[in-house]
Amino acid sequence: MRLLVARCEVRYSGRLTAVLPEAVRLLILKADGSVLVHDDAGGYKPLKSSC
């Protein structure tokens, strides 16, 4: 697992398409290739996850 804190914009395309505006986010890069995107507000659940 790798943790990365960055100011970034997130563009997701999958079952749904979404854009998260630029902000400081915590990105969790998991060993299975999935990525979790967290914001500093809104609880413990990730904003987006992908495989």
N, C-alpha and C. Protein backbone atom coordinates (compact mmCIF):
# COMPACT_ATOMS: atom_id res chain seq x y z
N MET A 1 0.84 -1.16 0.00
CA MET A 1 0.00 0.00 0.00
C MET A 1 0.89 1.24 0.00
N ARG A 2 0.51 2.20 -0.81
CA ARG A 2 1.22 3.49 -0.87
C ARG A 2 0.22 4.59 -0.55
N LEU A 3 0.65 5.58 0.19
CA LEU A 3 -0.17 6.74 0.52
C LEU A 3 0.43 7.96 -0.15
N LEU A 4 -0.40 8.76 -0.75
CA LEU A 4 0.05 9.96 -1.43
C LEU A 4 -0.91 11.09 -1.11
N VAL A 5 -0.40 12.22 -0.66
CA VAL A 5 -1.21 13.42 -0.43
C VAL A 5 -0.85 14.39 -1.54
N ALA A 6 -1.87 14.85 -2.27
CA ALA A 6 -1.60 15.73 -3.41
C ALA A 6 -2.76 16.67 -3.66
N ARG A 7 -2.45 17.82 -4.23
CA ARG A 7 -3.50 18.71 -4.74
C ARG A 7 -3.76 18.25 -6.17
N CYS A 8 -4.97 17.77 -6.41
CA CYS A 8 -5.25 17.21 -7.73
C CYS A 8 -6.73 17.32 -8.07
N GLU A 9 -7.02 17.15 -9.33
CA GLU A 9 -8.38 17.01 -9.84
C GLU A 9 -8.54 15.55 -10.20
N VAL A 10 -9.70 15.00 -9.94
CA VAL A 10 -9.93 13.58 -10.22
C VAL A 10 -10.99 13.45 -11.30
N ARG A 11 -10.66 12.71 -12.34
CA ARG A 11 -11.61 12.40 -13.42
C ARG A 11 -11.79 10.90 -13.44
N TYR A 12 -13.02 10.46 -13.26
CA TYR A 12 -13.33 9.03 -13.19
C TYR A 12 -14.27 8.67 -14.32
N SER A 13 -13.97 7.59 -15.01
CA SER A 13 -14.83 7.07 -16.06
C SER A 13 -14.96 5.57 -15.86
N GLY A 14 -16.14 5.11 -15.64
CA GLY A 14 -16.41 3.70 -15.39
C GLY A 14 -17.90 3.50 -15.58
N ARG A 15 -18.55 2.85 -14.59
CA ARG A 15 -20.01 2.73 -14.66
C ARG A 15 -20.65 4.11 -14.69
N LEU A 16 -20.02 5.05 -13.98
CA LEU A 16 -20.44 6.45 -13.98
C LEU A 16 -19.26 7.30 -14.40
N THR A 17 -19.53 8.53 -14.78
CA THR A 17 -18.47 9.48 -15.07
C THR A 17 -18.59 10.61 -14.06
N ALA A 18 -17.45 10.97 -13.45
CA ALA A 18 -17.47 12.03 -12.43
C ALA A 18 -16.17 12.82 -12.49
N VAL A 19 -16.26 14.07 -12.09
CA VAL A 19 -15.09 14.94 -11.96
C VAL A 19 -15.13 15.56 -10.58
N LEU A 20 -14.05 15.40 -9.83
CA LEU A 20 -13.90 16.06 -8.54
C LEU A 20 -12.98 17.25 -8.75
N PRO A 21 -13.38 18.44 -8.31
CA PRO A 21 -12.55 19.63 -8.54
C PRO A 21 -11.23 19.55 -7.79
N GLU A 22 -10.30 20.39 -8.19
CA GLU A 22 -8.97 20.41 -7.57
C GLU A 22 -9.09 20.67 -6.07
N ALA A 23 -8.39 19.83 -5.30
CA ALA A 23 -8.36 19.95 -3.84
C ALA A 23 -7.23 19.07 -3.33
N VAL A 24 -6.90 19.24 -2.07
CA VAL A 24 -5.91 18.36 -1.44
C VAL A 24 -6.62 17.05 -1.10
N ARG A 25 -6.06 15.95 -1.55
CA ARG A 25 -6.69 14.64 -1.37
C ARG A 25 -5.66 13.61 -0.92
N LEU A 26 -6.15 12.60 -0.24
CA LEU A 26 -5.34 11.45 0.11
C LEU A 26 -5.64 10.35 -0.89
N LEU A 27 -4.62 9.90 -1.59
CA LEU A 27 -4.75 8.79 -2.55
C LEU A 27 -4.11 7.56 -1.92
N ILE A 28 -4.85 6.47 -1.91
CA ILE A 28 -4.33 5.21 -1.39
C ILE A 28 -4.21 4.26 -2.58
N LEU A 29 -2.98 3.87 -2.88
CA LEU A 29 -2.69 2.96 -3.99
C LEU A 29 -2.47 1.57 -3.38
N LYS A 30 -3.39 0.65 -3.66
CA LYS A 30 -3.36 -0.66 -3.03
C LYS A 30 -2.60 -1.66 -3.89
N ALA A 31 -2.11 -2.71 -3.26
CA ALA A 31 -1.29 -3.72 -3.93
C ALA A 31 -2.06 -4.43 -5.06
N ASP A 32 -3.39 -4.50 -4.94
CA ASP A 32 -4.17 -5.18 -5.98
C ASP A 32 -4.45 -4.29 -7.19
N GLY A 33 -3.88 -3.06 -7.19
CA GLY A 33 -4.04 -2.16 -8.32
C GLY A 33 -5.17 -1.16 -8.16
N SER A 34 -5.95 -1.27 -7.11
CA SER A 34 -7.03 -0.33 -6.91
C SER A 34 -6.53 0.95 -6.27
N VAL A 35 -7.29 2.02 -6.47
CA VAL A 35 -6.94 3.34 -5.94
C VAL A 35 -8.15 3.87 -5.19
N LEU A 36 -7.93 4.37 -3.97
CA LEU A 36 -8.98 5.01 -3.18
C LEU A 36 -8.65 6.49 -3.08
N VAL A 37 -9.66 7.34 -3.20
CA VAL A 37 -9.48 8.79 -3.13
C VAL A 37 -10.28 9.30 -1.94
N HIS A 38 -9.60 9.94 -0.98
CA HIS A 38 -10.25 10.48 0.21
C HIS A 38 -10.10 11.99 0.24
N ASP A 39 -11.10 12.65 0.83
CA ASP A 39 -11.07 14.08 1.06
C ASP A 39 -10.98 14.29 2.56
N ASP A 40 -10.65 15.49 3.02
CA ASP A 40 -10.51 15.71 4.46
C ASP A 40 -11.85 15.96 5.14
N ALA A 41 -12.93 15.98 4.40
CA ALA A 41 -14.26 16.16 4.98
C ALA A 41 -15.16 15.01 4.53
N GLY A 42 -16.17 14.72 5.29
CA GLY A 42 -17.15 13.75 4.83
C GLY A 42 -16.98 12.36 5.39
N GLY A 43 -16.20 12.18 6.43
CA GLY A 43 -16.13 10.87 7.07
C GLY A 43 -15.01 10.01 6.56
N TYR A 44 -15.16 8.73 6.76
CA TYR A 44 -14.09 7.77 6.51
C TYR A 44 -14.21 7.05 5.17
N LYS A 45 -15.33 7.15 4.49
CA LYS A 45 -15.50 6.44 3.22
C LYS A 45 -14.79 7.18 2.10
N PRO A 46 -14.22 6.43 1.15
CA PRO A 46 -13.54 7.09 0.02
C PRO A 46 -14.54 7.78 -0.88
N LEU A 47 -14.10 8.85 -1.55
CA LEU A 47 -14.92 9.53 -2.53
C LEU A 47 -15.07 8.68 -3.78
N LYS A 48 -13.97 8.09 -4.22
CA LYS A 48 -13.94 7.24 -5.41
C LYS A 48 -13.02 6.09 -5.16
N SER A 49 -13.31 4.97 -5.77
CA SER A 49 -12.36 3.86 -5.78
C SER A 49 -12.43 3.21 -7.15
N SER A 50 -11.33 2.65 -7.58
CA SER A 50 -11.30 2.00 -8.89
C SER A 50 -10.31 0.85 -8.85
N CYS A 51 -10.50 -0.06 -9.76
CA CYS A 51 -9.60 -1.21 -9.87
C CYS A 51 -8.81 -1.13 -11.15
